[in-house]
Amino acid sequence: MKVFFDSNIWIAAFGTRGLCQDLAALAIRLEDAGRLVLLTCPAIESEVQRILADKFHLTPTELDTVNKLLRQLRQVPDGSWHPPSDFPDPDDWPIINSAIKGKADLFVTGDKALLDLGTIERLPILDPRAAYLKLRGLE
């Protein structure tokens, strides 16, 4: 199974304690065990770094740790996907594009507009709680 986390999941995982932190830890354990593949892209990396520095005030050392972890994930380059006319936010295009291009089986986000879509191009979009429960089934 290939899983793609939106930037808000990584930001919550590294910047707060709670469900997203537990979800990220579970996904990393499952990836280490060869049970799933975590995908990411340059747009995720830059957004996570920027927000963790600007809003959560992580130190350069902490940011370096985050960056090293994200760079260990399977990187999906940008592509040329064109969203449907009702797609909610053009800023999310590169991220959804990478998830589709990487052939993700699951896209996890806290973004309500994306969650309201339910699926896009046959890619299921789940909230963190639903994703956590689904991944717990892989243990």
Protein backbone atom coordinates (compact mmCIF):
# COMPACT_ATOMS: atom_id res chain seq x y z
CA MET A 1 0.00 0.00 0.00
CA LYS A 2 1.27 3.45 -0.92
CA VAL A 3 0.24 6.29 1.39
CA PHE A 4 0.61 10.02 0.80
CA PHE A 5 0.26 12.45 3.73
CA ASP A 6 -0.75 16.04 3.03
CA SER A 7 1.52 18.68 4.54
CA ASN A 8 -0.95 19.39 7.35
CA ILE A 9 -0.53 15.83 8.63
CA TRP A 10 3.27 16.14 8.79
CA ILE A 11 3.02 19.61 10.35
CA ALA A 12 0.72 18.34 13.08
CA ALA A 13 2.89 15.24 13.57
CA PHE A 14 6.07 17.27 14.09
CA GLY A 15 4.57 20.40 15.67
CA THR A 16 2.03 18.96 18.13
CA ARG A 17 1.20 15.89 20.14
CA GLY A 18 -1.80 13.77 19.32
CA LEU A 19 -3.42 11.75 16.57
CA CYS A 20 -1.24 12.93 13.66
CA GLN A 21 1.91 12.24 15.65
CA ASP A 22 0.61 8.72 16.38
CA LEU A 23 -0.44 8.27 12.74
CA ALA A 24 2.98 9.31 11.42
CA ALA A 25 4.77 7.06 13.93
CA LEU A 26 2.55 4.10 12.94
CA ALA A 27 3.11 4.72 9.23
CA ILE A 28 6.88 4.97 9.69
CA ARG A 29 6.90 1.69 11.67
CA LEU A 30 4.85 0.00 8.95
CA GLU A 31 7.18 1.34 6.28
CA ASP A 32 10.23 0.12 8.20
CA ALA A 33 8.57 -3.31 8.36
CA GLY A 34 7.94 -3.27 4.60
CA ARG A 35 4.16 -3.13 5.03
CA LEU A 36 3.61 0.19 3.24
CA VAL A 37 5.38 2.90 1.29
CA LEU A 38 5.17 6.54 2.33
CA LEU A 39 5.22 9.00 -0.57
CA THR A 40 6.05 12.69 -0.53
CA CYS A 41 7.00 15.46 -2.94
CA PRO A 42 9.02 18.69 -3.02
CA ALA A 43 5.88 20.81 -2.41
CA ILE A 44 5.21 18.93 0.85
CA GLU A 45 8.80 19.24 2.03
CA SER A 46 9.01 22.99 1.47
CA GLU A 47 5.60 23.72 3.00
CA VAL A 48 6.30 21.59 6.06
CA GLN A 49 9.70 23.23 6.60
CA ARG A 50 8.32 26.74 6.16
CA ILE A 51 5.35 26.33 8.50
CA LEU A 52 7.27 24.46 11.19
CA ALA A 53 9.87 27.25 11.19
CA ASP A 54 7.50 30.22 10.94
CA LYS A 55 4.53 29.13 13.06
CA PHE A 56 5.91 26.43 15.33
CA HIS A 57 9.38 27.94 15.75
CA LEU A 58 11.26 24.67 15.46
CA THR A 59 15.00 25.07 15.83
CA PRO A 60 17.35 24.53 12.87
CA THR A 61 18.37 21.20 14.43
CA GLU A 62 14.74 20.10 14.74
CA LEU A 63 14.03 21.22 11.17
CA ASP A 64 17.05 19.26 9.96
CA THR A 65 15.67 16.13 11.64
CA VAL A 66 12.29 16.64 9.95
CA ASN A 67 13.98 17.23 6.60
CA LYS A 68 16.08 14.06 6.92
CA LEU A 69 12.99 11.99 7.67
CA LEU A 70 11.00 13.41 4.76
CA ARG A 71 13.91 12.87 2.38
CA GLN A 72 13.99 9.17 3.30
CA LEU A 73 10.46 8.76 1.93
CA ARG A 74 9.80 7.86 -1.68
CA GLN A 75 9.95 11.13 -3.61
CA VAL A 76 7.42 11.73 -6.36
CA PRO A 77 8.34 14.50 -8.81
CA ASP A 78 5.89 17.09 -10.04
CA GLY A 79 3.80 16.19 -13.04
CA SER A 80 1.22 17.65 -15.36
CA TRP A 81 -2.13 16.62 -13.86
CA HIS A 82 -4.97 19.03 -14.54
CA PRO A 83 -7.69 19.07 -11.90
CA PRO A 84 -11.40 19.08 -12.63
CA SER A 85 -13.08 22.49 -12.80
CA ASP A 86 -14.64 22.05 -9.34
CA PHE A 87 -11.30 21.39 -7.61
CA PRO A 88 -11.34 23.52 -4.44
CA ASP A 89 -7.84 25.04 -4.16
CA PRO A 90 -5.25 25.50 -6.92
CA ASP A 91 -2.50 25.51 -4.26
CA ASP A 92 -3.24 21.83 -3.63
CA TRP A 93 -2.76 20.84 -7.29
CA PRO A 94 0.94 19.93 -7.03
CA ILE A 95 0.32 17.79 -3.95
CA ILE A 96 -2.64 15.88 -5.37
CA ASN A 97 -0.74 15.60 -8.64
CA SER A 98 2.17 13.93 -6.87
CA ALA A 99 -0.12 11.54 -5.01
CA ILE A 100 -1.77 10.52 -8.28
CA LYS A 101 1.53 10.31 -10.16
CA GLY A 102 3.01 8.19 -7.36
CA LYS A 103 0.02 5.84 -7.62
CA ALA A 104 -0.91 6.36 -3.97
CA ASP A 105 -3.57 4.03 -2.62
CA LEU A 106 -4.54 6.54 0.06
CA PHE A 107 -4.28 10.31 0.52
CA VAL A 108 -4.51 11.55 4.12
CA THR A 109 -5.39 15.14 4.93
CA GLY A 110 -7.07 17.37 7.45
CA ASP A 111 -8.13 19.79 4.69
CA LYS A 112 -11.93 19.89 4.77
CA ALA A 113 -12.27 20.94 1.12
CA LEU A 114 -10.21 17.94 0.00
CA LEU A 115 -11.98 15.61 2.42
CA ASP A 116 -15.32 16.74 0.99
CA LEU A 117 -14.20 15.39 -2.40
CA GLY A 118 -14.01 11.87 -0.94
CA THR A 119 -11.97 10.62 -3.89
CA ILE A 120 -10.18 12.12 -6.84
CA GLU A 121 -9.05 10.08 -9.84
CA ARG A 122 -9.94 6.93 -7.83
CA LEU A 123 -7.66 8.08 -4.99
CA PRO A 124 -9.45 7.76 -1.62
CA ILE A 125 -9.07 10.83 0.60
CA LEU A 126 -9.25 10.07 4.32
CA ASP A 127 -9.02 12.11 7.49
CA PRO A 128 -6.31 11.24 10.03
CA ARG A 129 -8.60 9.18 12.29
CA ALA A 130 -9.92 7.01 9.44
CA ALA A 131 -6.38 6.57 8.10
CA TYR A 132 -5.07 5.62 11.55
CA LEU A 133 -7.75 2.96 11.93
CA LYS A 134 -7.09 1.65 8.42
CA LEU A 135 -3.32 1.45 9.01
CA ARG A 136 -3.85 -0.22 12.39
CA GLY A 137 -5.41 -3.05 10.40
CA LEU A 138 -2.02 -3.61 8.74
CA GLU A 139 -0.25 -4.30 12.04
